[in-house]
Amino acid sequence: MGEELGKGRSLKEITADMTEVAEGINTTRAVKKLAGRLDVEMPITNEVQAVLYEGKPAGEAAAELMRRPLRVEANW
């Protein structure tokens, strides 16, 4: 799935040719919705959602993630 998205194919094109289930396709929306309800920042999930369902190019999503400023993610 990821390789084909990276080649520029859409989710619809890829799934039309699939005979197996690719993990993450059906859970991305649920994770994004839960993160929103819990007010948890999920930048990777947001970008995956954009690539899968909004037509964002995978390379652009990856570049956007790489441009994020470094910071501490948790203070346990």
PDB file of N, CA and C in Angstrom:
ATOM      1  N   MET A   1       0.824  -1.177   0.000  1.00  0.00           N
ATOM      2  CA  MET A   1       0.000   0.000   0.000  1.00  0.00           C
ATOM      3  C   MET A   1       0.873   1.247   0.000  1.00  0.00           C
ATOM      4  N   GLY A   2       1.792   1.327   0.957  1.00  0.00           N
ATOM      5  CA  GLY A   2       2.644   2.505   1.069  1.00  0.00           C
ATOM      6  C   GLY A   2       3.487   2.745  -0.165  1.00  0.00           C
ATOM      7  N   GLU A   3       4.012   1.689  -0.712  1.00  0.00           N
ATOM      8  CA  GLU A   3       4.840   1.819  -1.917  1.00  0.00           C
ATOM      9  C   GLU A   3       4.012   2.370  -3.077  1.00  0.00           C
ATOM     10  N   GLU A   4       2.810   1.879  -3.226  1.00  0.00           N
ATOM     11  CA  GLU A   4       1.944   2.337  -4.314  1.00  0.00           C
ATOM     12  C   GLU A   4       1.495   3.784  -4.100  1.00  0.00           C
ATOM     13  N   LEU A   5       1.212   4.160  -2.854  1.00  0.00           N
ATOM     14  CA  LEU A   5       0.888   5.552  -2.568  1.00  0.00           C
ATOM     15  C   LEU A   5       2.075   6.448  -2.908  1.00  0.00           C
ATOM     16  N   GLY A   6       3.274   5.963  -2.586  1.00  0.00           N
ATOM     17  CA  GLY A   6       4.489   6.707  -2.895  1.00  0.00           C
ATOM     18  C   GLY A   6       4.712   6.887  -4.387  1.00  0.00           C
ATOM     19  N   LYS A   7       4.175   5.992  -5.172  1.00  0.00           N
ATOM     20  CA  LYS A   7       4.277   6.091  -6.631  1.00  0.00           C
ATOM     21  C   LYS A   7       3.237   7.041  -7.207  1.00  0.00           C
ATOM     22  N   GLY A   8       2.358   7.535  -6.333  1.00  0.00           N
ATOM     23  CA  GLY A   8       1.365   8.493  -6.798  1.00  0.00           C
ATOM     24  C   GLY A   8      -0.006   7.922  -7.092  1.00  0.00           C
ATOM     25  N   ARG A   9      -0.195   6.637  -6.839  1.00  0.00           N
ATOM     26  CA  ARG A   9      -1.513   6.040  -7.071  1.00  0.00           C
ATOM     27  C   ARG A   9      -2.467   6.436  -5.945  1.00  0.00           C
ATOM     28  N   SER A  10      -3.735   6.537  -6.251  1.00  0.00           N
ATOM     29  CA  SER A  10      -4.731   6.898  -5.243  1.00  0.00           C
ATOM     30  C   SER A  10      -5.181   5.651  -4.474  1.00  0.00           C
ATOM     31  N   LEU A  11      -5.789   5.890  -3.320  1.00  0.00           N
ATOM     32  CA  LEU A  11      -6.319   4.788  -2.514  1.00  0.00           C
ATOM     33  C   LEU A  11      -7.329   3.977  -3.314  1.00  0.00           C
ATOM     34  N   LYS A  12      -8.179   4.665  -4.047  1.00  0.00           N
ATOM     35  CA  LYS A  12      -9.205   3.982  -4.843  1.00  0.00           C
ATOM     36  C   LYS A  12      -8.578   3.067  -5.900  1.00  0.00           C
ATOM     37  N   GLU A  13      -7.544   3.558  -6.558  1.00  0.00           N
ATOM     38  CA  GLU A  13      -6.857   2.745  -7.577  1.00  0.00           C
ATOM     39  C   GLU A  13      -6.212   1.521  -6.947  1.00  0.00           C
ATOM     40  N   ILE A  14      -5.556   1.717  -5.842  1.00  0.00           N
ATOM     41  CA  ILE A  14      -4.833   0.623  -5.194  1.00  0.00           C
ATOM     42  C   ILE A  14      -5.791  -0.433  -4.676  1.00  0.00           C
ATOM     43  N   THR A  15      -6.824  -0.001  -3.969  1.00  0.00           N
ATOM     44  CA  THR A  15      -7.745  -0.979  -3.379  1.00  0.00           C
ATOM     45  C   THR A  15      -8.538  -1.727  -4.438  1.00  0.00           C
ATOM     46  N   ALA A  16      -8.724  -1.138  -5.603  1.00  0.00           N
ATOM     47  CA  ALA A  16      -9.433  -1.829  -6.682  1.00  0.00           C
ATOM     48  C   ALA A  16      -8.654  -3.057  -7.143  1.00  0.00           C
ATOM     49  N   ASP A  17      -7.333  -3.018  -7.016  1.00  0.00           N
ATOM     50  CA  ASP A  17      -6.480  -4.123  -7.450  1.00  0.00           C
ATOM     51  C   ASP A  17      -6.119  -5.095  -6.333  1.00  0.00           C
ATOM     52  N   MET A  18      -6.508  -4.795  -5.104  1.00  0.00           N
ATOM     53  CA  MET A  18      -6.084  -5.598  -3.953  1.00  0.00           C
ATOM     54  C   MET A  18      -6.979  -6.813  -3.739  1.00  0.00           C
ATOM     55  N   THR A  19      -6.355  -7.876  -3.261  1.00  0.00           N
ATOM     56  CA  THR A  19      -7.104  -9.072  -2.877  1.00  0.00           C
ATOM     57  C   THR A  19      -6.998  -9.316  -1.378  1.00  0.00           C
ATOM     58  N   GLU A  20      -6.182  -8.520  -0.687  1.00  0.00           N
ATOM     59  CA  GLU A  20      -5.989  -8.655   0.753  1.00  0.00           C
ATOM     60  C   GLU A  20      -6.272  -7.320   1.426  1.00  0.00           C
ATOM     61  N   VAL A  21      -6.369  -7.348   2.740  1.00  0.00           N
ATOM     62  CA  VAL A  21      -6.621  -6.129   3.502  1.00  0.00           C
ATOM     63  C   VAL A  21      -5.290  -5.497   3.899  1.00  0.00           C
ATOM     64  N   ALA A  22      -5.162  -4.201   3.695  1.00  0.00           N
ATOM     65  CA  ALA A  22      -3.977  -3.466   4.127  1.00  0.00           C
ATOM     66  C   ALA A  22      -4.303  -2.809   5.464  1.00  0.00           C
ATOM     67  N   GLU A  23      -3.513  -3.123   6.477  1.00  0.00           N
ATOM     68  CA  GLU A  23      -3.753  -2.568   7.803  1.00  0.00           C
ATOM     69  C   GLU A  23      -3.637  -1.049   7.770  1.00  0.00           C
ATOM     70  N   GLY A  24      -4.504  -0.387   8.498  1.00  0.00           N
ATOM     71  CA  GLY A  24      -4.435   1.050   8.622  1.00  0.00           C
ATOM     72  C   GLY A  24      -5.441   1.807   7.786  1.00  0.00           C
ATOM     73  N   ILE A  25      -5.857   1.230   6.683  1.00  0.00           N
ATOM     74  CA  ILE A  25      -6.804   1.938   5.823  1.00  0.00           C
ATOM     75  C   ILE A  25      -8.097   2.230   6.581  1.00  0.00           C
ATOM     76  N   ASN A  26      -8.629   1.211   7.214  1.00  0.00           N
ATOM     77  CA  ASN A  26      -9.916   1.360   7.890  1.00  0.00           C
ATOM     78  C   ASN A  26      -9.805   1.974   9.278  1.00  0.00           C
ATOM     79  N   THR A  27      -8.607   2.037   9.828  1.00  0.00           N
ATOM     80  CA  THR A  27      -8.471   2.562  11.190  1.00  0.00           C
ATOM     81  C   THR A  27      -7.986   4.010  11.228  1.00  0.00           C
ATOM     82  N   THR A  28      -7.484   4.514  10.138  1.00  0.00           N
ATOM     83  CA  THR A  28      -6.944   5.878  10.126  1.00  0.00           C
ATOM     84  C   THR A  28      -7.979   6.905  10.550  1.00  0.00           C
ATOM     85  N   ARG A  29      -9.160   6.819   9.987  1.00  0.00           N
ATOM     86  CA  ARG A  29     -10.213   7.778  10.344  1.00  0.00           C
ATOM     87  C   ARG A  29     -10.599   7.662  11.816  1.00  0.00           C
ATOM     88  N   ALA A  30     -10.693   6.427  12.315  1.00  0.00           N
ATOM     89  CA  ALA A  30     -11.070   6.219  13.718  1.00  0.00           C
ATOM     90  C   ALA A  30     -10.021   6.795  14.661  1.00  0.00           C
ATOM     91  N   VAL A  31      -8.753   6.583  14.349  1.00  0.00           N
ATOM     92  CA  VAL A  31      -7.677   7.114  15.195  1.00  0.00           C
ATOM     93  C   VAL A  31      -7.703   8.638  15.178  1.00  0.00           C
ATOM     94  N   LYS A  32      -7.890   9.226  14.006  1.00  0.00           N
ATOM     95  CA  LYS A  32      -7.943  10.690  13.901  1.00  0.00           C
ATOM     96  C   LYS A  32      -9.117  11.244  14.703  1.00  0.00           C
ATOM     97  N   LYS A  33     -10.248  10.593  14.607  1.00  0.00           N
ATOM     98  CA  LYS A  33     -11.434  11.041  15.345  1.00  0.00           C
ATOM     99  C   LYS A  33     -11.211  10.939  16.855  1.00  0.00           C
ATOM    100  N   LEU A  34     -10.647   9.832  17.309  1.00  0.00           N
ATOM    101  CA  LEU A  34     -10.374   9.649  18.735  1.00  0.00           C
ATOM    102  C   LEU A  34      -9.364  10.666  19.229  1.00  0.00           C
ATOM    103  N   ALA A  35      -8.324  10.903  18.464  1.00  0.00           N
ATOM    104  CA  ALA A  35      -7.313  11.898  18.844  1.00  0.00           C
ATOM    105  C   ALA A  35      -7.944  13.279  18.977  1.00  0.00           C
ATOM    106  N   GLY A  36      -8.866  13.601  18.091  1.00  0.00           N
ATOM    107  CA  GLY A  36      -9.552  14.884  18.164  1.00  0.00           C
ATOM    108  C   GLY A  36     -10.393  15.004  19.422  1.00  0.00           C
ATOM    109  N   ARG A  37     -11.092  13.928  19.745  1.00  0.00           N
ATOM    110  CA  ARG A  37     -11.921  13.934  20.960  1.00  0.00           C
ATOM    111  C   ARG A  37     -11.080  14.077  22.219  1.00  0.00           C
ATOM    112  N   LEU A  38      -9.898  13.449  22.220  1.00  0.00           N
ATOM    113  CA  LEU A  38      -9.028  13.480  23.394  1.00  0.00           C
ATOM    114  C   LEU A  38      -8.050  14.653  23.366  1.00  0.00           C
ATOM    115  N   ASP A  39      -8.110  15.452  22.322  1.00  0.00           N
ATOM    116  CA  ASP A  39      -7.221  16.596  22.151  1.00  0.00           C
ATOM    117  C   ASP A  39      -5.749  16.172  22.192  1.00  0.00           C
ATOM    118  N   VAL A  40      -5.439  15.133  21.419  1.00  0.00           N
ATOM    119  CA  VAL A  40      -4.080  14.607  21.312  1.00  0.00           C
ATOM    120  C   VAL A  40      -3.549  14.935  19.926  1.00  0.00           C
ATOM    121  N   GLU A  41      -2.385  15.534  19.864  1.00  0.00           N
ATOM    122  CA  GLU A  41      -1.770  15.865  18.584  1.00  0.00           C
ATOM    123  C   GLU A  41      -1.222  14.589  17.946  1.00  0.00           C
ATOM    124  N   MET A  42      -1.622  14.321  16.709  1.00  0.00           N
ATOM    125  CA  MET A  42      -1.207  13.114  15.984  1.00  0.00           C
ATOM    126  C   MET A  42      -0.782  13.497  14.566  1.00  0.00           C
ATOM    127  N   PRO A  43       0.398  14.107  14.421  1.00  0.00           N
ATOM    128  CA  PRO A  43       0.792  14.597  13.100  1.00  0.00           C
ATOM    129  C   PRO A  43       0.944  13.501  12.047  1.00  0.00           C
ATOM    130  N   ILE A  44       1.422  12.345  12.415  1.00  0.00           N
ATOM    131  CA  ILE A  44       1.575  11.274  11.424  1.00  0.00           C
ATOM    132  C   ILE A  44       0.197  10.797  10.974  1.00  0.00           C
ATOM    133  N   THR A  45      -0.699  10.604  11.915  1.00  0.00           N
ATOM    134  CA  THR A  45      -2.061  10.198  11.571  1.00  0.00           C
ATOM    135  C   THR A  45      -2.721  11.235  10.674  1.00  0.00           C
ATOM    136  N   ASN A  46      -2.526  12.497  10.981  1.00  0.00           N
ATOM    137  CA  ASN A  46      -3.109  13.560  10.152  1.00  0.00           C
ATOM    138  C   ASN A  46      -2.603  13.495   8.720  1.00  0.00           C
ATOM    139  N   GLU A  47      -1.313  13.247   8.558  1.00  0.00           N
ATOM    140  CA  GLU A  47      -0.740  13.177   7.211  1.00  0.00           C
ATOM    141  C   GLU A  47      -1.190  11.911   6.481  1.00  0.00           C
ATOM    142  N   VAL A  48      -1.283  10.800   7.197  1.00  0.00           N
ATOM    143  CA  VAL A  48      -1.776   9.566   6.570  1.00  0.00           C
ATOM    144  C   VAL A  48      -3.210   9.771   6.095  1.00  0.00           C
ATOM    145  N   GLN A  49      -4.025  10.399   6.930  1.00  0.00           N
ATOM    146  CA  GLN A  49      -5.407  10.723   6.556  1.00  0.00           C
ATOM    147  C   GLN A  49      -5.434  11.577   5.286  1.00  0.00           C
ATOM    148  N   ALA A  50      -4.576  12.570   5.232  1.00  0.00           N
ATOM    149  CA  ALA A  50      -4.533  13.459   4.070  1.00  0.00           C
ATOM    150  C   ALA A  50      -4.133  12.710   2.800  1.00  0.00           C
ATOM    151  N   VAL A  51      -3.191  11.797   2.914  1.00  0.00           N
ATOM    152  CA  VAL A  51      -2.754  11.017   1.746  1.00  0.00           C
ATOM    153  C   VAL A  51      -3.850  10.052   1.311  1.00  0.00           C
ATOM    154  N   LEU A  52      -4.426   9.328   2.268  1.00  0.00           N
ATOM    155  CA  LEU A  52      -5.425   8.321   1.925  1.00  0.00           C
ATOM    156  C   LEU A  52      -6.729   8.918   1.408  1.00  0.00           C
ATOM    157  N   TYR A  53      -7.213   9.951   2.072  1.00  0.00           N
ATOM    158  CA  TYR A  53      -8.573  10.402   1.809  1.00  0.00           C
ATOM    159  C   TYR A  53      -8.707  11.799   1.211  1.00  0.00           C
ATOM    160  N   GLU A  54      -7.611  12.546   1.155  1.00  0.00           N
ATOM    161  CA  GLU A  54      -7.697  13.910   0.641  1.00  0.00           C
ATOM    162  C   GLU A  54      -6.830  14.135  -0.591  1.00  0.00           C
ATOM    163  N   GLY A  55      -6.168  13.080  -1.062  1.00  0.00           N
ATOM    164  CA  GLY A  55      -5.385  13.172  -2.288  1.00  0.00           C
ATOM    165  C   GLY A  55      -4.033  13.854  -2.159  1.00  0.00           C
ATOM    166  N   LYS A  56      -3.556  14.037  -0.932  1.00  0.00           N
ATOM    167  CA  LYS A  56      -2.250  14.685  -0.744  1.00  0.00           C
ATOM    168  C   LYS A  56      -1.142  13.733  -1.207  1.00  0.00           C
ATOM    169  N   PRO A  57      -0.194  14.210  -1.978  1.00  0.00           N
ATOM    170  CA  PRO A  57       0.924  13.354  -2.388  1.00  0.00           C
ATOM    171  C   PRO A  57       1.735  12.876  -1.172  1.00  0.00           C
ATOM    172  N   ALA A  58       2.103  11.607  -1.186  1.00  0.00           N
ATOM    173  CA  ALA A  58       2.832  11.024  -0.062  1.00  0.00           C
ATOM    174  C   ALA A  58       4.144  11.757   0.202  1.00  0.00           C
ATOM    175  N   GLY A  59       4.845  12.152  -0.840  1.00  0.00           N
ATOM    176  CA  GLY A  59       6.105  12.871  -0.673  1.00  0.00           C
ATOM    177  C   GLY A  59       5.916  14.206   0.021  1.00  0.00           C
ATOM    178  N   GLU A  60       4.827  14.873  -0.304  1.00  0.00           N
ATOM    179  CA  GLU A  60       4.523  16.148   0.337  1.00  0.00           C
ATOM    180  C   GLU A  60       4.203  15.947   1.826  1.00  0.00           C
ATOM    181  N   ALA A  61       3.467  14.886   2.127  1.00  0.00           N
ATOM    182  CA  ALA A  61       3.137  14.586   3.528  1.00  0.00           C
ATOM    183  C   ALA A  61       4.404  14.280   4.319  1.00  0.00           C
ATOM    184  N   ALA A  62       5.295  13.487   3.743  1.00  0.00           N
ATOM    185  CA  ALA A  62       6.548  13.148   4.419  1.00  0.00           C
ATOM    186  C   ALA A  62       7.399  14.397   4.641  1.00  0.00           C
ATOM    187  N   ALA A  63       7.468  15.248   3.632  1.00  0.00           N
ATOM    188  CA  ALA A  63       8.257  16.475   3.754  1.00  0.00           C
ATOM    189  C   ALA A  63       7.694  17.381   4.849  1.00  0.00           C
ATOM    190  N   GLU A  64       6.374  17.452   4.924  1.00  0.00           N
ATOM    191  CA  GLU A  64       5.744  18.275   5.953  1.00  0.00           C
ATOM    192  C   GLU A  64       6.081  17.753   7.354  1.00  0.00           C
ATOM    193  N   LEU A  65       6.081  16.455   7.517  1.00  0.00           N
ATOM    194  CA  LEU A  65       6.440  15.873   8.812  1.00  0.00           C
ATOM    195  C   LEU A  65       7.903  16.158   9.155  1.00  0.00           C
ATOM    196  N   MET A  66       8.759  16.094   8.163  1.00  0.00           N
ATOM    197  CA  MET A  66      10.187  16.327   8.404  1.00  0.00           C
ATOM    198  C   MET A  66      10.490  17.790   8.732  1.00  0.00           C
ATOM    199  N   ARG A  67       9.619  18.694   8.328  1.00  0.00           N
ATOM    200  CA  ARG A  67       9.810  20.122   8.616  1.00  0.00           C
ATOM    201  C   ARG A  67       9.334  20.520  10.016  1.00  0.00           C
ATOM    202  N   ARG A  68       8.674  19.609  10.695  1.00  0.00           N
ATOM    203  CA  ARG A  68       8.197  19.938  12.039  1.00  0.00           C
ATOM    204  C   ARG A  68       9.380  20.212  12.952  1.00  0.00           C
ATOM    205  N   PRO A  69       9.270  21.213  13.811  1.00  0.00           N
ATOM    206  CA  PRO A  69      10.371  21.506  14.731  1.00  0.00           C
ATOM    207  C   PRO A  69      10.552  20.381  15.747  1.00  0.00           C
ATOM    208  N   LEU A  70      11.793  20.163  16.130  1.00  0.00           N
ATOM    209  CA  LEU A  70      12.073  19.139  17.139  1.00  0.00           C
ATOM    210  C   LEU A  70      11.581  19.631  18.496  1.00  0.00           C
ATOM    211  N   ARG A  71      11.053  18.694  19.266  1.00  0.00           N
ATOM    212  CA  ARG A  71      10.594  19.026  20.615  1.00  0.00           C
ATOM    213  C   ARG A  71      10.421  17.751  21.416  1.00  0.00           C
ATOM    214  N   VAL A  72      10.307  17.879  22.700  1.00  0.00           N
ATOM    215  CA  VAL A  72      10.063  16.733  23.566  1.00  0.00           C
ATOM    216  C   VAL A  72       8.622  16.310  23.365  1.00  0.00           C
ATOM    217  N   GLU A  73       8.392  15.018  23.117  1.00  0.00           N
ATOM    218  CA  GLU A  73       7.042  14.529  22.862  1.00  0.00           C
ATOM    219  C   GLU A  73       6.319  14.136  24.150  1.00  0.00           C
ATOM    220  N   ALA A  74       7.051  13.709  25.178  1.00  0.00           N
ATOM    221  CA  ALA A  74       6.415  13.299  26.434  1.00  0.00           C
ATOM    222  C   ALA A  74       7.358  13.563  27.582  1.00  0.00           C
ATOM    223  N   ASN A  75       6.793  13.900  28.696  1.00  0.00           N
ATOM    224  CA  ASN A  75       7.583  14.145  29.915  1.00  0.00           C
ATOM    225  C   ASN A  75       7.195  13.141  30.981  1.00  0.00           C
ATOM    226  N   TRP A  76       7.592  11.926  30.820  1.00  0.00           N
ATOM    227  CA  TRP A  76       7.215  10.878  31.767  1.00  0.00           C
ATOM    228  C   TRP A  76       8.163  10.866  32.889  1.00  0.00           C
TER     229      TRP A  76
END
